[in-house]
Amino acid sequence: MNRNIPFATMCGIILDNGRDCPGSVAEDSALNLCSDHLLAAYRQHAAIVGERLVMPEPCAVCGEQVGMKYRDEWQCDFCGFVPGTNIEFYIAKLKASRRVSVVYYIEFAGRIKIGTSTNPRNRLASLPVDRVRAFEPGWRDLEQKRHLQFQETRLGNTEWFEPNEALETHMRRLSAGVPDPWAQWDFWVRREQERPIGKTA
């Protein structure tokens, strides 16, 4: 705040009886409110946007102790659980929403596409595919790393590559012992959805 501008020293609130609030404004206050009305404004704001506090009891889903308080309602700050709602339903919903991001290697017309998705079934359904060569757990950073790794045969600035020995060796390594990449993907998703919910999971 610019201290060169004069600031009121008395609270700017008008009371229910029509009189000005007699409270004084602290010298370093950024608002023209006395301490009582400043606290009331804070509580009103916190009731709307929430206030991050230690909950009366740890979260029944993940054990987190910090939550957001909205008036008289709490919400876990870690997993989003609202105490008093159906725990089993919430856990099932939370697990079902979990995703596994993968870098995929697909072949079409003798060329290889290296892309990434958290839902490869939907993604690959929209692409020309002769066969799925391999999946690799990872996200954009790994995808970009692979693009640089096989840059030598990259087709322009696309995600398509002419196959070469290095790329073929990499895909063979990823698919070794994996007769069906989709079964591997389904396993990863199941494992993620069965993983316990909690900070150390």
C-alpha atoms as a PDB file:
ATOM      1  CA  MET A   1       0.000   0.000   0.000  1.00  0.00           C
ATOM      2  CA  ASN A   2       1.238   3.510  -0.804  1.00  0.00           C
ATOM      3  CA  ARG A   3       1.752   5.213   2.552  1.00  0.00           C
ATOM      4  CA  ASN A   4       1.908   8.648   0.875  1.00  0.00           C
ATOM      5  CA  ILE A   5      -1.889   8.459   0.527  1.00  0.00           C
ATOM      6  CA  PRO A   6      -3.746   9.381   3.770  1.00  0.00           C
ATOM      7  CA  PHE A   7      -5.678   6.387   5.132  1.00  0.00           C
ATOM      8  CA  ALA A   8      -8.699   6.462   7.451  1.00  0.00           C
ATOM      9  CA  THR A   9      -8.017   5.654  11.086  1.00  0.00           C
ATOM     10  CA  MET A  10     -11.640   4.789  11.977  1.00  0.00           C
ATOM     11  CA  CYS A  11     -13.507   1.689  10.771  1.00  0.00           C
ATOM     12  CA  GLY A  12     -15.622   2.278   7.663  1.00  0.00           C
ATOM     13  CA  ILE A  13     -18.438  -0.090   8.666  1.00  0.00           C
ATOM     14  CA  ILE A  14     -21.896   1.278   9.456  1.00  0.00           C
ATOM     15  CA  LEU A  15     -23.525  -0.664  12.284  1.00  0.00           C
ATOM     16  CA  ASP A  16     -27.089  -2.019  12.336  1.00  0.00           C
ATOM     17  CA  ASN A  17     -28.185   0.997  14.368  1.00  0.00           C
ATOM     18  CA  GLY A  18     -27.016   3.320  11.588  1.00  0.00           C
ATOM     19  CA  ARG A  19     -24.004   4.631  13.447  1.00  0.00           C
ATOM     20  CA  ASP A  20     -20.391   4.438  12.359  1.00  0.00           C
ATOM     21  CA  CYS A  21     -18.335   1.665  13.930  1.00  0.00           C
ATOM     22  CA  PRO A  22     -16.217   3.268  16.687  1.00  0.00           C
ATOM     23  CA  GLY A  23     -13.361   0.786  16.160  1.00  0.00           C
ATOM     24  CA  SER A  24      -9.983   2.032  15.039  1.00  0.00           C
ATOM     25  CA  VAL A  25      -7.997   0.796  12.066  1.00  0.00           C
ATOM     26  CA  ALA A  26      -4.516  -0.589  12.692  1.00  0.00           C
ATOM     27  CA  GLU A  27      -1.782   1.584  11.244  1.00  0.00           C
ATOM     28  CA  ASP A  28      -0.463  -1.167   8.973  1.00  0.00           C
ATOM     29  CA  SER A  29      -3.909  -2.389   7.817  1.00  0.00           C
ATOM     30  CA  ALA A  30      -4.516  -2.609   4.086  1.00  0.00           C
ATOM     31  CA  LEU A  31      -8.285  -2.304   4.640  1.00  0.00           C
ATOM     32  CA  ASN A  32     -10.405   0.387   6.281  1.00  0.00           C
ATOM     33  CA  LEU A  33     -11.679  -2.066   8.924  1.00  0.00           C
ATOM     34  CA  CYS A  34     -11.230  -2.436  12.654  1.00  0.00           C
ATOM     35  CA  SER A  35      -9.854  -5.730  13.944  1.00  0.00           C
ATOM     36  CA  ASP A  36     -13.337  -7.132  14.717  1.00  0.00           C
ATOM     37  CA  HIS A  37     -14.733  -6.379  11.266  1.00  0.00           C
ATOM     38  CA  LEU A  38     -11.507  -7.491   9.584  1.00  0.00           C
ATOM     39  CA  LEU A  39     -11.900 -10.862  11.326  1.00  0.00           C
ATOM     40  CA  ALA A  40     -15.588 -11.025  10.325  1.00  0.00           C
ATOM     41  CA  ALA A  41     -14.641 -10.330   6.694  1.00  0.00           C
ATOM     42  CA  TYR A  42     -11.976 -13.028   6.828  1.00  0.00           C
ATOM     43  CA  ARG A  43     -14.438 -15.576   8.233  1.00  0.00           C
ATOM     44  CA  GLN A  44     -16.988 -14.716   5.542  1.00  0.00           C
ATOM     45  CA  HIS A  45     -14.351 -15.105   2.846  1.00  0.00           C
ATOM     46  CA  ALA A  46     -13.103 -18.397   4.350  1.00  0.00           C
ATOM     47  CA  ALA A  47     -16.661 -19.766   4.441  1.00  0.00           C
ATOM     48  CA  ILE A  48     -16.907 -19.199   0.679  1.00  0.00           C
ATOM     49  CA  VAL A  49     -13.454 -20.194  -0.607  1.00  0.00           C
ATOM     50  CA  GLY A  50     -12.459 -22.474   2.265  1.00  0.00           C
ATOM     51  CA  GLU A  51      -9.838 -22.304   4.968  1.00  0.00           C
ATOM     52  CA  ARG A  52      -6.930 -24.743   5.161  1.00  0.00           C
ATOM     53  CA  LEU A  53      -6.797 -26.140   8.703  1.00  0.00           C
ATOM     54  CA  VAL A  54      -6.049 -29.284  10.680  1.00  0.00           C
ATOM     55  CA  MET A  55      -9.190 -31.415  10.644  1.00  0.00           C
ATOM     56  CA  PRO A  56     -10.753 -32.639  13.916  1.00  0.00           C
ATOM     57  CA  GLU A  57     -10.054 -36.227  12.782  1.00  0.00           C
ATOM     58  CA  PRO A  58      -7.762 -37.683  10.094  1.00  0.00           C
ATOM     59  CA  CYS A  59      -9.381 -38.382   6.733  1.00  0.00           C
ATOM     60  CA  ALA A  60     -11.142 -41.761   6.766  1.00  0.00           C
ATOM     61  CA  VAL A  61      -9.949 -42.477   3.220  1.00  0.00           C
ATOM     62  CA  CYS A  62      -6.269 -41.473   3.106  1.00  0.00           C
ATOM     63  CA  GLY A  63      -5.346 -40.500   6.681  1.00  0.00           C
ATOM     64  CA  GLU A  64      -4.455 -36.899   5.805  1.00  0.00           C
ATOM     65  CA  GLN A  65      -4.962 -34.475   8.699  1.00  0.00           C
ATOM     66  CA  VAL A  66      -5.121 -31.194   6.797  1.00  0.00           C
ATOM     67  CA  GLY A  67      -8.363 -30.184   5.120  1.00  0.00           C
ATOM     68  CA  MET A  68     -10.347 -27.289   3.732  1.00  0.00           C
ATOM     69  CA  LYS A  69     -13.165 -26.027   5.917  1.00  0.00           C
ATOM     70  CA  TYR A  70     -16.244 -24.500   4.288  1.00  0.00           C
ATOM     71  CA  ARG A  71     -18.516 -23.157   7.038  1.00  0.00           C
ATOM     72  CA  ASP A  72     -19.228 -26.376   8.993  1.00  0.00           C
ATOM     73  CA  GLU A  73     -18.134 -28.803   6.268  1.00  0.00           C
ATOM     74  CA  TRP A  74     -14.663 -30.312   5.807  1.00  0.00           C
ATOM     75  CA  GLN A  75     -12.953 -31.658   2.701  1.00  0.00           C
ATOM     76  CA  CYS A  76      -9.677 -33.572   2.767  1.00  0.00           C
ATOM     77  CA  ASP A  77      -6.930 -31.474   1.200  1.00  0.00           C
ATOM     78  CA  PHE A  78      -5.188 -34.574  -0.191  1.00  0.00           C
ATOM     79  CA  CYS A  79      -7.852 -36.865  -1.663  1.00  0.00           C
ATOM     80  CA  GLY A  80     -10.914 -34.602  -1.661  1.00  0.00           C
ATOM     81  CA  PHE A  81     -13.076 -36.810   0.575  1.00  0.00           C
ATOM     82  CA  VAL A  82     -15.912 -35.050   2.403  1.00  0.00           C
ATOM     83  CA  PRO A  83     -16.528 -36.664   5.821  1.00  0.00           C
ATOM     84  CA  GLY A  84     -20.055 -38.003   6.149  1.00  0.00           C
ATOM     85  CA  THR A  85     -20.352 -39.142   2.532  1.00  0.00           C
ATOM     86  CA  ASN A  86     -20.292 -42.795   1.472  1.00  0.00           C
ATOM     87  CA  ILE A  87     -16.682 -43.958   1.842  1.00  0.00           C
ATOM     88  CA  GLU A  88     -16.945 -47.115  -0.283  1.00  0.00           C
ATOM     89  CA  PHE A  89     -18.558 -45.239  -3.164  1.00  0.00           C
ATOM     90  CA  TYR A  90     -15.953 -42.459  -2.994  1.00  0.00           C
ATOM     91  CA  ILE A  91     -13.014 -44.884  -2.943  1.00  0.00           C
ATOM     92  CA  ALA A  92     -14.428 -46.789  -5.922  1.00  0.00           C
ATOM     93  CA  LYS A  93     -14.925 -43.532  -7.830  1.00  0.00           C
ATOM     94  CA  LEU A  94     -11.427 -42.325  -6.944  1.00  0.00           C
ATOM     95  CA  LYS A  95      -9.808 -45.556  -8.081  1.00  0.00           C
ATOM     96  CA  ALA A  96     -11.845 -45.701 -11.289  1.00  0.00           C
ATOM     97  CA  SER A  97     -10.633 -42.219 -12.191  1.00  0.00           C
ATOM     98  CA  ARG A  98      -6.974 -43.205 -11.971  1.00  0.00           C
ATOM     99  CA  ARG A  99      -5.091 -43.227 -15.244  1.00  0.00           C
ATOM    100  CA  VAL A 100      -1.830 -44.697 -16.484  1.00  0.00           C
ATOM    101  CA  SER A 101       0.013 -42.560 -18.995  1.00  0.00           C
ATOM    102  CA  VAL A 102       1.995 -44.404 -21.654  1.00  0.00           C
ATOM    103  CA  VAL A 103       4.215 -43.694 -24.592  1.00  0.00           C
ATOM    104  CA  TYR A 104       2.873 -45.806 -27.453  1.00  0.00           C
ATOM    105  CA  TYR A 105       4.639 -47.167 -30.513  1.00  0.00           C
ATOM    106  CA  ILE A 106       2.348 -47.970 -33.426  1.00  0.00           C
ATOM    107  CA  GLU A 107       3.104 -49.033 -36.994  1.00  0.00           C
ATOM    108  CA  PHE A 108       1.265 -47.962 -40.123  1.00  0.00           C
ATOM    109  CA  ALA A 109       2.417 -48.363 -43.724  1.00  0.00           C
ATOM    110  CA  GLY A 110       5.889 -49.303 -42.573  1.00  0.00           C
ATOM    111  CA  ARG A 111       6.362 -46.218 -40.397  1.00  0.00           C
ATOM    112  CA  ILE A 112       6.347 -45.840 -36.629  1.00  0.00           C
ATOM    113  CA  LYS A 113       4.466 -43.251 -34.587  1.00  0.00           C
ATOM    114  CA  ILE A 114       5.682 -42.411 -31.084  1.00  0.00           C
ATOM    115  CA  GLY A 115       2.989 -40.653 -29.079  1.00  0.00           C
ATOM    116  CA  THR A 116       1.553 -40.511 -25.580  1.00  0.00           C
ATOM    117  CA  SER A 117      -1.867 -40.912 -23.978  1.00  0.00           C
ATOM    118  CA  THR A 118      -3.645 -41.716 -20.735  1.00  0.00           C
ATOM    119  CA  ASN A 119      -6.347 -43.485 -22.737  1.00  0.00           C
ATOM    120  CA  PRO A 120      -4.635 -45.284 -25.626  1.00  0.00           C
ATOM    121  CA  ARG A 121      -7.736 -47.271 -26.611  1.00  0.00           C
ATOM    122  CA  ASN A 122      -9.582 -44.071 -27.493  1.00  0.00           C
ATOM    123  CA  ARG A 123      -6.505 -42.361 -28.890  1.00  0.00           C
ATOM    124  CA  LEU A 124      -5.441 -45.177 -31.191  1.00  0.00           C
ATOM    125  CA  ALA A 125      -9.006 -45.682 -32.404  1.00  0.00           C
ATOM    126  CA  SER A 126      -8.652 -42.296 -34.122  1.00  0.00           C
ATOM    127  CA  LEU A 127      -5.306 -43.105 -35.783  1.00  0.00           C
ATOM    128  CA  PRO A 128      -4.293 -45.247 -38.760  1.00  0.00           C
ATOM    129  CA  VAL A 129      -2.786 -48.379 -37.193  1.00  0.00           C
ATOM    130  CA  ASP A 130      -1.572 -51.611 -38.698  1.00  0.00           C
ATOM    131  CA  ARG A 131      -0.364 -52.908 -35.348  1.00  0.00           C
ATOM    132  CA  VAL A 132       0.594 -51.773 -31.865  1.00  0.00           C
ATOM    133  CA  ARG A 133       4.283 -52.433 -31.400  1.00  0.00           C
ATOM    134  CA  ALA A 134       4.744 -51.535 -27.717  1.00  0.00           C
ATOM    135  CA  PHE A 135       3.699 -49.459 -24.725  1.00  0.00           C
ATOM    136  CA  GLU A 136       6.048 -47.779 -22.294  1.00  0.00           C
ATOM    137  CA  PRO A 137       4.927 -46.148 -19.002  1.00  0.00           C
ATOM    138  CA  GLY A 138       5.584 -42.423 -19.196  1.00  0.00           C
ATOM    139  CA  TRP A 139       4.273 -39.006 -20.170  1.00  0.00           C
ATOM    140  CA  ARG A 140       5.265 -36.015 -22.295  1.00  0.00           C
ATOM    141  CA  ASP A 141       8.798 -35.772 -20.970  1.00  0.00           C
ATOM    142  CA  LEU A 142       9.535 -39.387 -21.940  1.00  0.00           C
ATOM    143  CA  GLU A 143       7.810 -38.965 -25.294  1.00  0.00           C
ATOM    144  CA  GLN A 144      10.008 -35.950 -26.063  1.00  0.00           C
ATOM    145  CA  LYS A 145      13.069 -37.888 -24.948  1.00  0.00           C
ATOM    146  CA  ARG A 146      12.217 -40.693 -27.412  1.00  0.00           C
ATOM    147  CA  HIS A 147      11.601 -38.179 -30.191  1.00  0.00           C
ATOM    148  CA  LEU A 148      15.099 -36.800 -29.647  1.00  0.00           C
ATOM    149  CA  GLN A 149      16.581 -40.272 -29.260  1.00  0.00           C
ATOM    150  CA  PHE A 150      15.318 -41.334 -32.701  1.00  0.00           C
ATOM    151  CA  GLN A 151      15.479 -37.878 -34.306  1.00  0.00           C
ATOM    152  CA  GLU A 152      17.657 -39.171 -37.139  1.00  0.00           C
ATOM    153  CA  THR A 153      14.718 -40.825 -38.909  1.00  0.00           C
ATOM    154  CA  ARG A 154      11.943 -38.465 -37.784  1.00  0.00           C
ATOM    155  CA  LEU A 155       9.653 -37.302 -40.579  1.00  0.00           C
ATOM    156  CA  GLY A 156       9.757 -33.528 -40.348  1.00  0.00           C
ATOM    157  CA  ASN A 157       8.256 -32.208 -37.125  1.00  0.00           C
ATOM    158  CA  THR A 158       5.716 -35.031 -36.839  1.00  0.00           C
ATOM    159  CA  GLU A 159       5.542 -37.958 -34.416  1.00  0.00           C
ATOM    160  CA  TRP A 160       6.203 -40.402 -37.266  1.00  0.00           C
ATOM    161  CA  PHE A 161       9.560 -42.102 -37.843  1.00  0.00           C
ATOM    162  CA  GLU A 162      11.135 -44.275 -40.466  1.00  0.00           C
ATOM    163  CA  PRO A 163      12.150 -47.504 -38.703  1.00  0.00           C
ATOM    164  CA  ASN A 164      15.848 -48.116 -38.137  1.00  0.00           C
ATOM    165  CA  GLU A 165      17.816 -50.650 -36.125  1.00  0.00           C
ATOM    166  CA  ALA A 166      17.968 -48.497 -32.983  1.00  0.00           C
ATOM    167  CA  LEU A 167      14.212 -47.956 -32.943  1.00  0.00           C
ATOM    168  CA  GLU A 168      13.485 -51.595 -33.747  1.00  0.00           C
ATOM    169  CA  THR A 169      15.800 -52.727 -30.943  1.00  0.00           C
ATOM    170  CA  HIS A 170      14.069 -50.387 -28.503  1.00  0.00           C
ATOM    171  CA  MET A 171      10.605 -51.652 -29.419  1.00  0.00           C
ATOM    172  CA  ARG A 172      11.747 -55.297 -29.214  1.00  0.00           C
ATOM    173  CA  ARG A 173      13.121 -54.638 -25.744  1.00  0.00           C
ATOM    174  CA  LEU A 174       9.830 -53.079 -24.607  1.00  0.00           C
ATOM    175  CA  SER A 175       7.748 -55.924 -26.043  1.00  0.00           C
ATOM    176  CA  ALA A 176       9.986 -58.783 -24.880  1.00  0.00           C
ATOM    177  CA  GLY A 177       7.808 -61.338 -23.099  1.00  0.00           C
ATOM    178  CA  VAL A 178       4.667 -59.342 -23.909  1.00  0.00           C
ATOM    179  CA  PRO A 179       2.505 -61.330 -26.346  1.00  0.00           C
ATOM    180  CA  ASP A 180      -0.265 -58.703 -26.215  1.00  0.00           C
ATOM    181  CA  PRO A 181       0.469 -55.010 -25.501  1.00  0.00           C
ATOM    182  CA  TRP A 182      -3.202 -54.437 -24.646  1.00  0.00           C
ATOM    183  CA  ALA A 183      -3.085 -57.116 -21.937  1.00  0.00           C
ATOM    184  CA  GLN A 184      -0.040 -55.344 -20.544  1.00  0.00           C
ATOM    185  CA  TRP A 185      -1.932 -52.034 -20.585  1.00  0.00           C
ATOM    186  CA  ASP A 186      -4.940 -53.589 -18.840  1.00  0.00           C
ATOM    187  CA  PHE A 187      -2.605 -54.998 -16.165  1.00  0.00           C
ATOM    188  CA  TRP A 188      -1.056 -51.591 -15.515  1.00  0.00           C
ATOM    189  CA  VAL A 189      -4.511 -49.988 -15.194  1.00  0.00           C
ATOM    190  CA  ARG A 190      -5.730 -52.720 -12.822  1.00  0.00           C
ATOM    191  CA  ARG A 191      -2.612 -52.360 -10.701  1.00  0.00           C
ATOM    192  CA  GLU A 192      -3.076 -48.602 -10.493  1.00  0.00           C
ATOM    193  CA  GLN A 193      -6.743 -48.899  -9.561  1.00  0.00           C
ATOM    194  CA  GLU A 194      -5.984 -51.501  -6.886  1.00  0.00           C
ATOM    195  CA  ARG A 195      -3.186 -49.408  -5.380  1.00  0.00           C
ATOM    196  CA  PRO A 196      -4.066 -48.264  -1.835  1.00  0.00           C
ATOM    197  CA  ILE A 197      -5.135 -44.660  -1.526  1.00  0.00           C
ATOM    198  CA  GLY A 198      -2.851 -42.606   0.671  1.00  0.00           C
ATOM    199  CA  LYS A 199       0.229 -40.419   0.719  1.00  0.00           C
ATOM    200  CA  THR A 200       2.679 -43.307   0.835  1.00  0.00           C
ATOM    201  CA  ALA A 201       0.857 -45.441  -1.744  1.00  0.00           C
END
